[in-house]
Amino acid sequence: MPNNSTNLSDSDNNNLVTIFETKKFWSFITFCYCVVFLVGIVGNLWSICSIIGSFMQNHGEGVCFRFLLPKSERIKIFNDVAYKKPPSKNSLAKKSNQNLMSKNLLLYNLALNLSDLCVLSNVFLLLTESYLERWPFGVGLCKFYWTLENANKIVSKFILTAMSLDRFVSMFWMKKPQSLTSLTVSSCSHVT
């Protein structure tokens, strides 16, 4: 006696095909892709602007979205940066190690955000291909799409590995994190 639980009958298979061809199904899938796209784009762009703003603030340039602030807030930010007291030498040594570690982490996050934006830019190509069940964009864009997709998967894993190594080195050798983390960052940037 055959096992009916593992074999799909023709009617079950036809019902499954019918579900995937319905307008409601594709409307739901399109909605999900649009939500993922919008949340991903907004989150990554916000993170990129925050990282750039952090770098600019460390160099006395102010925050990333300073043009959106009222004039009184912009003047306050300028005065805080322009008339800040210089720190002592002991605090400078501690802060330089902390600044280097935080800058490395920000650079890793910036690289991950840019990688995610590349993947998100392909969402609508993937949705179109899934809906039409064929690739309508030509061979060149097909090769570019899959090259970008696979390269981003590899680069994301590599960035996360480099970030983990950097954190490990900075935690394991607390006395000399500056030289070792610089070595890790420079090694990883050359490989990328």
N, C-alpha and C. Protein backbone atom coordinates (compact mmCIF):
# COMPACT_ATOMS: atom_id res chain seq x y z
N MET A 1 0.85 -1.18 0.00
CA MET A 1 0.00 0.00 0.00
C MET A 1 0.89 1.25 0.00
N PRO A 2 0.74 2.17 -0.95
CA PRO A 2 1.58 3.36 -1.03
C PRO A 2 1.29 4.34 0.10
N ASN A 3 2.31 5.06 0.48
CA ASN A 3 2.19 6.06 1.54
C ASN A 3 1.65 7.36 0.93
N ASN A 4 0.40 7.69 1.26
CA ASN A 4 -0.24 8.87 0.69
C ASN A 4 0.23 10.18 1.31
N SER A 5 0.87 10.09 2.48
CA SER A 5 1.29 11.33 3.14
C SER A 5 2.47 11.98 2.43
N THR A 6 3.32 11.20 1.76
CA THR A 6 4.48 11.79 1.09
C THR A 6 4.22 12.09 -0.38
N ASN A 7 3.23 11.49 -0.98
CA ASN A 7 2.93 11.71 -2.39
C ASN A 7 1.84 12.76 -2.54
N LEU A 8 2.09 13.74 -3.39
CA LEU A 8 1.06 14.72 -3.69
C LEU A 8 0.24 14.23 -4.87
N SER A 9 -1.05 14.31 -4.72
CA SER A 9 -1.90 13.93 -5.85
C SER A 9 -1.93 15.08 -6.85
N ASP A 10 -2.45 14.82 -8.03
CA ASP A 10 -2.53 15.86 -9.05
C ASP A 10 -3.41 17.02 -8.61
N SER A 11 -4.49 16.73 -7.88
CA SER A 11 -5.37 17.81 -7.45
C SER A 11 -4.68 18.70 -6.42
N ASP A 12 -3.87 18.11 -5.51
CA ASP A 12 -3.12 18.92 -4.55
C ASP A 12 -2.09 19.79 -5.26
N ASN A 13 -1.44 19.22 -6.25
CA ASN A 13 -0.43 19.96 -7.00
C ASN A 13 -1.08 21.11 -7.78
N ASN A 14 -2.24 20.87 -8.37
CA ASN A 14 -2.97 21.92 -9.10
C ASN A 14 -3.44 23.02 -8.16
N ASN A 15 -3.88 22.63 -6.94
CA ASN A 15 -4.30 23.64 -5.97
C ASN A 15 -3.12 24.53 -5.55
N LEU A 16 -1.94 23.92 -5.40
CA LEU A 16 -0.75 24.68 -5.03
C LEU A 16 -0.36 25.66 -6.14
N VAL A 17 -0.43 25.22 -7.38
CA VAL A 17 -0.12 26.09 -8.51
C VAL A 17 -1.15 27.22 -8.59
N THR A 18 -2.40 26.92 -8.33
CA THR A 18 -3.45 27.93 -8.38
C THR A 18 -3.22 29.00 -7.32
N ILE A 19 -2.75 28.60 -6.14
CA ILE A 19 -2.49 29.57 -5.07
C ILE A 19 -1.42 30.56 -5.50
N PHE A 20 -0.34 30.06 -6.14
CA PHE A 20 0.76 30.93 -6.54
C PHE A 20 0.39 31.83 -7.71
N GLU A 21 -0.64 31.51 -8.44
CA GLU A 21 -1.04 32.32 -9.58
C GLU A 21 -2.13 33.34 -9.25
N THR A 22 -2.62 33.33 -8.03
CA THR A 22 -3.71 34.25 -7.69
C THR A 22 -3.20 35.67 -7.51
N LYS A 23 -4.10 36.60 -7.74
CA LYS A 23 -3.77 38.02 -7.63
C LYS A 23 -3.52 38.40 -6.17
N LYS A 24 -4.26 37.79 -5.25
CA LYS A 24 -4.08 38.09 -3.83
C LYS A 24 -2.69 37.68 -3.35
N PHE A 25 -2.22 36.53 -3.83
CA PHE A 25 -0.90 36.05 -3.43
C PHE A 25 0.18 37.02 -3.87
N TRP A 26 0.13 37.44 -5.14
CA TRP A 26 1.16 38.35 -5.65
C TRP A 26 1.04 39.74 -5.05
N SER A 27 -0.17 40.15 -4.71
CA SER A 27 -0.34 41.43 -4.01
C SER A 27 0.31 41.37 -2.63
N PHE A 28 0.12 40.25 -1.94
CA PHE A 28 0.72 40.07 -0.62
C PHE A 28 2.24 40.04 -0.71
N ILE A 29 2.77 39.29 -1.67
CA ILE A 29 4.23 39.19 -1.85
C ILE A 29 4.81 40.57 -2.19
N THR A 30 4.15 41.30 -3.08
CA THR A 30 4.62 42.63 -3.46
C THR A 30 4.60 43.57 -2.25
N PHE A 31 3.55 43.50 -1.46
CA PHE A 31 3.46 44.31 -0.25
C PHE A 31 4.61 43.99 0.70
N CYS A 32 4.89 42.70 0.91
CA CYS A 32 5.98 42.29 1.81
C CYS A 32 7.33 42.79 1.30
N TYR A 33 7.57 42.65 0.00
CA TYR A 33 8.82 43.13 -0.58
C TYR A 33 8.95 44.65 -0.44
N CYS A 34 7.84 45.37 -0.64
CA CYS A 34 7.88 46.83 -0.52
C CYS A 34 8.16 47.26 0.92
N VAL A 35 7.57 46.56 1.89
CA VAL A 35 7.82 46.87 3.29
C VAL A 35 9.29 46.62 3.63
N VAL A 36 9.81 45.47 3.21
CA VAL A 36 11.23 45.15 3.46
C VAL A 36 12.12 46.19 2.80
N PHE A 37 11.79 46.57 1.57
CA PHE A 37 12.59 47.56 0.84
C PHE A 37 12.58 48.91 1.56
N LEU A 38 11.40 49.39 1.92
CA LEU A 38 11.29 50.71 2.55
C LEU A 38 11.97 50.75 3.92
N VAL A 39 11.73 49.72 4.74
CA VAL A 39 12.36 49.68 6.06
C VAL A 39 13.87 49.57 5.91
N GLY A 40 14.32 48.74 4.98
CA GLY A 40 15.76 48.58 4.76
C GLY A 40 16.42 49.84 4.26
N ILE A 41 15.80 50.50 3.30
CA ILE A 41 16.37 51.74 2.75
C ILE A 41 16.41 52.83 3.81
N VAL A 42 15.30 53.03 4.51
CA VAL A 42 15.26 54.08 5.54
C VAL A 42 16.26 53.77 6.65
N GLY A 43 16.30 52.53 7.12
CA GLY A 43 17.22 52.17 8.20
C GLY A 43 18.67 52.31 7.80
N ASN A 44 19.03 51.83 6.62
CA ASN A 44 20.42 51.92 6.17
C ASN A 44 20.83 53.37 5.90
N LEU A 45 19.96 54.15 5.27
CA LEU A 45 20.30 55.56 5.02
C LEU A 45 20.42 56.34 6.33
N TRP A 46 19.54 56.04 7.28
CA TRP A 46 19.63 56.70 8.58
C TRP A 46 20.94 56.34 9.27
N SER A 47 21.30 55.08 9.21
CA SER A 47 22.55 54.64 9.82
C SER A 47 23.76 55.27 9.14
N ILE A 48 23.74 55.33 7.81
CA ILE A 48 24.85 55.96 7.07
C ILE A 48 24.96 57.44 7.44
N CYS A 49 23.84 58.15 7.49
CA CYS A 49 23.87 59.57 7.86
C CYS A 49 24.35 59.75 9.30
N SER A 50 23.97 58.84 10.19
CA SER A 50 24.43 58.92 11.58
C SER A 50 25.93 58.70 11.67
N ILE A 51 26.44 57.74 10.91
CA ILE A 51 27.89 57.46 10.93
C ILE A 51 28.66 58.64 10.34
N ILE A 52 28.18 59.16 9.22
CA ILE A 52 28.84 60.32 8.61
C ILE A 52 28.76 61.52 9.55
N GLY A 53 27.61 61.70 10.19
CA GLY A 53 27.46 62.78 11.17
C GLY A 53 28.41 62.62 12.34
N SER A 54 28.62 61.39 12.78
CA SER A 54 29.55 61.14 13.88
C SER A 54 30.97 61.49 13.47
N PHE A 55 31.36 61.12 12.26
CA PHE A 55 32.69 61.49 11.78
C PHE A 55 32.83 63.00 11.62
N MET A 56 31.79 63.64 11.11
CA MET A 56 31.84 65.09 10.91
C MET A 56 31.89 65.81 12.25
N GLN A 57 31.16 65.30 13.24
CA GLN A 57 31.13 65.93 14.55
C GLN A 57 32.49 65.82 15.22
N ASN A 58 33.18 64.70 15.02
CA ASN A 58 34.52 64.54 15.60
C ASN A 58 35.52 65.50 14.97
N HIS A 59 35.25 65.95 13.77
CA HIS A 59 36.16 66.87 13.09
C HIS A 59 35.65 68.31 13.12
N GLY A 60 34.66 68.59 13.99
CA GLY A 60 34.19 69.96 14.16
C GLY A 60 33.22 70.42 13.09
N GLU A 61 32.66 69.51 12.33
CA GLU A 61 31.77 69.91 11.23
C GLU A 61 30.31 69.96 11.66
N GLY A 62 29.95 69.46 12.83
CA GLY A 62 28.57 69.45 13.27
C GLY A 62 27.88 68.16 12.90
N VAL A 63 26.57 68.12 13.06
CA VAL A 63 25.81 66.91 12.80
C VAL A 63 25.40 66.84 11.34
N CYS A 64 25.01 65.64 10.92
CA CYS A 64 24.70 65.39 9.51
C CYS A 64 23.47 66.19 9.05
N PHE A 65 22.47 66.28 9.91
CA PHE A 65 21.23 66.94 9.52
C PHE A 65 21.13 68.34 10.14
N ARG A 66 22.24 69.04 10.28
CA ARG A 66 22.21 70.31 10.99
C ARG A 66 21.36 71.36 10.28
N PHE A 67 21.21 71.23 8.97
CA PHE A 67 20.41 72.22 8.24
C PHE A 67 18.93 72.11 8.59
N LEU A 68 18.51 70.99 9.20
CA LEU A 68 17.12 70.83 9.61
C LEU A 68 16.85 71.43 10.98
N LEU A 69 17.92 71.71 11.73
CA LEU A 69 17.76 72.25 13.08
C LEU A 69 17.40 73.73 13.03
N PRO A 70 16.71 74.22 14.08
CA PRO A 70 16.47 75.66 14.15
C PRO A 70 17.79 76.42 14.33
N LYS A 71 17.76 77.70 14.02
CA LYS A 71 18.98 78.50 14.04
C LYS A 71 19.62 78.52 15.43
N SER A 72 18.82 78.58 16.48
CA SER A 72 19.37 78.61 17.84
C SER A 72 20.14 77.33 18.15
N GLU A 73 19.64 76.19 17.69
CA GLU A 73 20.35 74.92 17.90
C GLU A 73 21.65 74.88 17.11
N ARG A 74 21.63 75.38 15.89
CA ARG A 74 22.86 75.41 15.08
C ARG A 74 23.92 76.28 15.73
N ILE A 75 23.52 77.43 16.29
CA ILE A 75 24.46 78.31 16.97
C ILE A 75 25.02 77.62 18.21
N LYS A 76 24.17 76.91 18.95
CA LYS A 76 24.62 76.20 20.15
C LYS A 76 25.64 75.13 19.78
N ILE A 77 25.40 74.37 18.72
CA ILE A 77 26.34 73.34 18.28
C ILE A 77 27.66 73.99 17.88
N PHE A 78 27.59 75.10 17.15
CA PHE A 78 28.82 75.79 16.73
C PHE A 78 29.61 76.27 17.95
N ASN A 79 28.92 76.86 18.93
CA ASN A 79 29.60 77.36 20.12
C ASN A 79 30.21 76.23 20.94
N ASP A 80 29.51 75.10 21.03
CA ASP A 80 30.06 73.95 21.77
C ASP A 80 31.33 73.44 21.12
N VAL A 81 31.36 73.41 19.80
CA VAL A 81 32.54 72.91 19.09
C VAL A 81 33.65 73.95 19.10
N ALA A 82 33.31 75.22 18.89
CA ALA A 82 34.34 76.26 18.75
C ALA A 82 35.01 76.62 20.07
N TYR A 83 34.27 76.61 21.18
CA TYR A 83 34.81 77.08 22.45
C TYR A 83 35.01 75.96 23.46
N LYS A 84 35.25 74.77 22.99
CA LYS A 84 35.45 73.64 23.90
C LYS A 84 36.85 73.73 24.51
N LYS A 85 36.98 73.40 25.83
CA LYS A 85 38.28 73.41 26.48
C LYS A 85 39.11 72.22 26.01
N PRO A 86 40.42 72.42 25.83
CA PRO A 86 41.26 71.29 25.42
C PRO A 86 41.40 70.29 26.57
N PRO A 87 41.33 68.98 26.28
CA PRO A 87 41.44 67.97 27.33
C PRO A 87 42.89 67.80 27.78
N SER A 88 43.07 67.16 28.97
CA SER A 88 44.41 66.90 29.48
C SER A 88 45.08 65.79 28.69
N LYS A 89 46.41 65.64 28.87
CA LYS A 89 47.16 64.64 28.09
C LYS A 89 46.78 63.22 28.48
N ASN A 90 46.50 62.96 29.78
CA ASN A 90 46.11 61.61 30.21
C ASN A 90 44.78 61.20 29.60
N SER A 91 43.85 62.11 29.59
CA SER A 91 42.55 61.78 29.00
C SER A 91 42.66 61.64 27.49
N LEU A 92 43.62 62.36 26.88
CA LEU A 92 43.82 62.22 25.43
C LEU A 92 44.30 60.84 25.05
N ALA A 93 45.20 60.25 25.83
CA ALA A 93 45.72 58.91 25.52
C ALA A 93 44.61 57.87 25.61
N LYS A 94 43.76 57.96 26.63
CA LYS A 94 42.66 57.01 26.77
C LYS A 94 41.65 57.20 25.64
N LYS A 95 41.35 58.46 25.35
CA LYS A 95 40.35 58.74 24.33
C LYS A 95 40.83 58.36 22.94
N SER A 96 42.14 58.45 22.68
CA SER A 96 42.62 58.10 21.34
C SER A 96 42.42 56.62 21.07
N ASN A 97 42.66 55.76 22.08
CA ASN A 97 42.41 54.33 21.90
C ASN A 97 40.92 54.06 21.73
N GLN A 98 40.10 54.72 22.54
CA GLN A 98 38.65 54.53 22.43
C GLN A 98 38.14 55.07 21.10
N ASN A 99 38.66 56.21 20.67
CA ASN A 99 38.23 56.78 19.40
C ASN A 99 38.59 55.89 18.23
N LEU A 100 39.79 55.30 18.28
CA LEU A 100 40.20 54.41 17.20
C LEU A 100 39.30 53.19 17.13
N MET A 101 38.99 52.62 18.32
CA MET A 101 38.13 51.43 18.33
C MET A 101 36.73 51.78 17.84
N SER A 102 36.20 52.94 18.27
CA SER A 102 34.86 53.31 17.83
C SER A 102 34.85 53.67 16.35
N LYS A 103 35.93 54.29 15.85
CA LYS A 103 35.99 54.61 14.41
C LYS A 103 36.04 53.33 13.58
N ASN A 104 36.79 52.34 14.05
CA ASN A 104 36.83 51.06 13.33
C ASN A 104 35.45 50.44 13.27
N LEU A 105 34.75 50.46 14.41
CA LEU A 105 33.40 49.88 14.45
C LEU A 105 32.46 50.64 13.53
N LEU A 106 32.58 51.96 13.51
CA LEU A 106 31.74 52.75 12.61
C LEU A 106 32.04 52.46 11.15
N LEU A 107 33.32 52.28 10.83
CA LEU A 107 33.68 51.95 9.44
C LEU A 107 33.13 50.59 9.03
N TYR A 108 33.19 49.62 9.94
CA TYR A 108 32.63 48.30 9.63
C TYR A 108 31.12 48.41 9.40
N ASN A 109 30.44 49.17 10.27
CA ASN A 109 29.00 49.34 10.10
C ASN A 109 28.67 50.09 8.82
N LEU A 110 29.48 51.06 8.46
CA LEU A 110 29.27 51.78 7.20
C LEU A 110 29.41 50.83 6.02
N ALA A 111 30.41 49.97 6.05
CA ALA A 111 30.60 49.00 4.97
C ALA A 111 29.42 48.03 4.90
N LEU A 112 28.92 47.58 6.05
CA LEU A 112 27.74 46.70 6.05
C LEU A 112 26.51 47.41 5.51
N ASN A 113 26.33 48.67 5.87
CA ASN A 113 25.18 49.43 5.36
C ASN A 113 25.23 49.59 3.86
N LEU A 114 26.40 49.89 3.34
CA LEU A 114 26.54 50.04 1.88
C LEU A 114 26.30 48.70 1.18
N SER A 115 26.77 47.62 1.78
CA SER A 115 26.52 46.29 1.21
C SER A 115 25.03 45.97 1.21
N ASP A 116 24.35 46.31 2.31
CA ASP A 116 22.90 46.08 2.37
C ASP A 116 22.14 46.91 1.35
N LEU A 117 22.58 48.14 1.12
CA LEU A 117 21.93 48.97 0.10
C LEU A 117 22.06 48.37 -1.29
N CYS A 118 23.22 47.77 -1.56
CA CYS A 118 23.39 47.10 -2.86
C CYS A 118 22.42 45.94 -3.01
N VAL A 119 22.23 45.17 -1.94
CA VAL A 119 21.29 44.05 -1.99
C VAL A 119 19.86 44.57 -2.14
N LEU A 120 19.52 45.62 -1.39
CA LEU A 120 18.16 46.17 -1.46
C LEU A 120 17.84 46.75 -2.83
N SER A 121 18.85 47.22 -3.53
CA SER A 121 18.59 47.78 -4.86
C SER A 121 18.13 46.71 -5.85
N ASN A 122 18.37 45.45 -5.52
CA ASN A 122 17.98 44.36 -6.41
C ASN A 122 16.62 43.75 -6.08
N VAL A 123 15.95 44.26 -5.06
CA VAL A 123 14.70 43.64 -4.61
C VAL A 123 13.64 43.65 -5.71
N PHE A 124 13.50 44.75 -6.42
CA PHE A 124 12.44 44.82 -7.43
C PHE A 124 12.76 44.00 -8.67
N LEU A 125 14.06 43.83 -8.96
CA LEU A 125 14.43 42.92 -10.05
C LEU A 125 14.03 41.49 -9.70
N LEU A 126 14.28 41.10 -8.46
CA LEU A 126 13.92 39.76 -8.01
C LEU A 126 12.40 39.56 -8.01
N LEU A 127 11.68 40.56 -7.58
CA LEU A 127 10.22 40.48 -7.56
C LEU A 127 9.66 40.36 -8.97
N THR A 128 10.19 41.12 -9.90
CA THR A 128 9.74 41.05 -11.30
C THR A 128 10.04 39.69 -11.90
N GLU A 129 11.23 39.17 -11.62
CA GLU A 129 11.59 37.85 -12.15
C GLU A 129 10.70 36.76 -11.57
N SER A 130 10.38 36.86 -10.29
CA SER A 130 9.51 35.85 -9.66
C SER A 130 8.09 35.92 -10.22
N TYR A 131 7.60 37.12 -10.46
CA TYR A 131 6.24 37.27 -10.97
C TYR A 131 6.12 36.78 -12.42
N LEU A 132 7.09 37.13 -13.25
CA LEU A 132 7.03 36.75 -14.67
C LEU A 132 7.53 35.33 -14.93
N GLU A 133 8.24 34.76 -13.95
CA GLU A 133 8.84 33.43 -14.06
C GLU A 133 9.85 33.36 -15.20
N ARG A 134 10.48 34.49 -15.50
CA ARG A 134 11.57 34.56 -16.47
C ARG A 134 12.31 35.87 -16.20
N TRP A 135 13.51 35.98 -16.76
CA TRP A 135 14.31 37.19 -16.57
C TRP A 135 14.11 38.11 -17.78
N PRO A 136 13.39 39.23 -17.62
CA PRO A 136 13.10 40.09 -18.78
C PRO A 136 14.14 41.19 -19.02
N PHE A 137 15.21 41.23 -18.26
CA PHE A 137 16.12 42.38 -18.30
C PHE A 137 17.38 42.16 -19.12
N GLY A 138 17.53 41.03 -19.77
CA GLY A 138 18.70 40.79 -20.61
C GLY A 138 19.82 40.06 -19.87
N VAL A 139 20.75 39.55 -20.66
CA VAL A 139 21.84 38.73 -20.12
C VAL A 139 22.82 39.57 -19.30
N GLY A 140 23.12 40.78 -19.76
CA GLY A 140 24.09 41.63 -19.06
C GLY A 140 23.65 41.97 -17.65
N LEU A 141 22.39 42.40 -17.51
CA LEU A 141 21.88 42.74 -16.18
C LEU A 141 21.74 41.50 -15.31
N CYS A 142 21.45 40.36 -15.93
CA CYS A 142 21.36 39.10 -15.19
C CYS A 142 22.71 38.76 -14.57
N LYS A 143 23.76 38.86 -15.36
CA LYS A 143 25.10 38.56 -14.85
C LYS A 143 25.50 39.57 -13.77
N PHE A 144 25.20 40.83 -14.01
CA PHE A 144 25.52 41.86 -13.02
C PHE A 144 24.76 41.62 -11.72
N TYR A 145 23.46 41.27 -11.83
CA TYR A 145 22.63 41.03 -10.65
C TYR A 145 23.20 39.91 -9.80
N TRP A 146 23.50 38.76 -10.42
CA TRP A 146 23.98 37.62 -9.63
C TRP A 146 25.39 37.85 -9.13
N THR A 147 26.21 38.58 -9.88
CA THR A 147 27.55 38.91 -9.39
C THR A 147 27.46 39.80 -8.15
N LEU A 148 26.62 40.83 -8.22
CA LEU A 148 26.43 41.74 -7.10
C LEU A 148 25.84 41.01 -5.90
N GLU A 149 24.86 40.16 -6.15
CA GLU A 149 24.21 39.41 -5.07
C GLU A 149 25.21 38.51 -4.34
N ASN A 150 25.97 37.73 -5.09
CA ASN A 150 26.92 36.81 -4.47
C ASN A 150 28.10 37.55 -3.84
N ALA A 151 28.56 38.61 -4.47
CA ALA A 151 29.67 39.38 -3.90
C ALA A 151 29.26 40.01 -2.57
N ASN A 152 28.03 40.51 -2.49
CA ASN A 152 27.56 41.11 -1.24
C ASN A 152 27.44 40.09 -0.13
N LYS A 153 27.03 38.87 -0.46
CA LYS A 153 26.97 37.83 0.57
C LYS A 153 28.36 37.54 1.12
N ILE A 154 29.34 37.45 0.24
CA ILE A 154 30.71 37.17 0.68
C ILE A 154 31.28 38.35 1.45
N VAL A 155 31.08 39.56 0.94
CA VAL A 155 31.63 40.75 1.59
C VAL A 155 31.01 40.95 2.97
N SER A 156 29.70 40.72 3.11
CA SER A 156 29.05 40.87 4.41
C SER A 156 29.64 39.91 5.43
N LYS A 157 29.83 38.67 5.03
CA LYS A 157 30.43 37.69 5.95
C LYS A 157 31.85 38.10 6.30
N PHE A 158 32.59 38.59 5.33
CA PHE A 158 33.97 39.01 5.58
C PHE A 158 34.02 40.20 6.53
N ILE A 159 33.13 41.16 6.35
CA ILE A 159 33.10 42.34 7.22
C ILE A 159 32.76 41.94 8.65
N LEU A 160 31.79 41.05 8.81
CA LEU A 160 31.43 40.59 10.15
C LEU A 160 32.58 39.84 10.80
N THR A 161 33.31 39.04 10.02
CA THR A 161 34.48 38.33 10.55
C THR A 161 35.56 39.32 10.96
N ALA A 162 35.82 40.31 10.13
CA ALA A 162 36.84 41.32 10.46
C ALA A 162 36.43 42.11 11.70
N MET A 163 35.14 42.43 11.83
CA MET A 163 34.67 43.14 13.00
C MET A 163 34.86 42.29 14.26
N SER A 164 34.57 41.00 14.16
CA SER A 164 34.76 40.11 15.30
C SER A 164 36.23 39.99 15.68
N LEU A 165 37.09 39.87 14.68
CA LEU A 165 38.53 39.81 14.96
C LEU A 165 39.02 41.11 15.60
N ASP A 166 38.54 42.22 15.12
CA ASP A 166 38.93 43.51 15.67
C ASP A 166 38.49 43.62 17.12
N ARG A 167 37.28 43.22 17.42
CA ARG A 167 36.79 43.25 18.80
C ARG A 167 37.60 42.30 19.68
N PHE A 168 37.91 41.11 19.17
CA PHE A 168 38.69 40.14 19.93
C PHE A 168 40.07 40.70 20.24
N VAL A 169 40.73 41.27 19.25
CA VAL A 169 42.07 41.81 19.45
C VAL A 169 42.03 42.95 20.46
N SER A 170 41.04 43.82 20.36
CA SER A 170 40.99 44.96 21.27
C SER A 170 40.64 44.52 22.70
N MET A 171 39.91 43.43 22.86
CA MET A 171 39.59 42.93 24.20
C MET A 171 40.72 42.08 24.77
N PHE A 172 41.41 41.34 23.93
CA PHE A 172 42.44 40.41 24.39
C PHE A 172 43.71 41.15 24.76
N TRP A 173 44.09 42.11 23.97
CA TRP A 173 45.28 42.90 24.24
C TRP A 173 44.86 44.33 24.54
N MET A 174 44.43 44.56 25.77
CA MET A 174 43.92 45.88 26.15
C MET A 174 45.00 46.96 26.16
N LYS A 175 46.24 46.58 26.40
CA LYS A 175 47.30 47.57 26.53
C LYS A 175 47.69 48.20 25.20
N LYS A 176 47.66 47.42 24.12
CA LYS A 176 48.10 47.93 22.82
C LYS A 176 47.03 47.72 21.75
N PRO A 177 45.83 48.20 21.97
CA PRO A 177 44.81 47.97 20.95
C PRO A 177 45.02 48.80 19.70
N GLN A 178 45.70 49.94 19.85
CA GLN A 178 45.82 50.85 18.71
C GLN A 178 46.61 50.21 17.58
N SER A 179 47.77 49.65 17.89
CA SER A 179 48.59 49.08 16.83
C SER A 179 47.97 47.80 16.27
N LEU A 180 47.38 46.98 17.16
CA LEU A 180 46.83 45.71 16.68
C LEU A 180 45.54 45.90 15.90
N THR A 181 44.68 46.81 16.36
CA THR A 181 43.45 47.04 15.60
C THR A 181 43.75 47.73 14.28
N SER A 182 44.76 48.59 14.27
CA SER A 182 45.15 49.21 13.01
C SER A 182 45.66 48.15 12.04
N LEU A 183 46.40 47.17 12.57
CA LEU A 183 46.89 46.07 11.74
C LEU A 183 45.73 45.26 11.19
N THR A 184 44.73 44.98 12.05
CA THR A 184 43.56 44.21 11.61
C THR A 184 42.79 44.97 10.54
N VAL A 185 42.55 46.25 10.77
CA VAL A 185 41.79 47.05 9.81
C VAL A 185 42.54 47.16 8.49
N SER A 186 43.84 47.41 8.55
CA SER A 186 44.58 47.56 7.30
C SER A 186 44.66 46.23 6.55
N SER A 187 44.78 45.12 7.28
CA SER A 187 44.81 43.81 6.61
C SER A 187 43.48 43.52 5.94
N CYS A 188 42.40 43.82 6.64
CA CYS A 188 41.07 43.54 6.09
C CYS A 188 40.75 44.45 4.91
N SER A 189 41.19 45.71 4.98
CA SER A 189 40.89 46.61 3.87
C SER A 189 41.67 46.24 2.63
N HIS A 190 42.89 45.69 2.79
CA HIS A 190 43.66 45.27 1.63
C HIS A 190 43.05 44.05 0.97
N VAL A 191 42.49 43.14 1.78
CA VAL A 191 41.89 41.94 1.21
C VAL A 191 40.60 42.29 0.48
N THR A 192 39.84 43.26 1.01
CA THR A 192 38.59 43.64 0.38
C THR A 192 38.88 44.36 -0.90
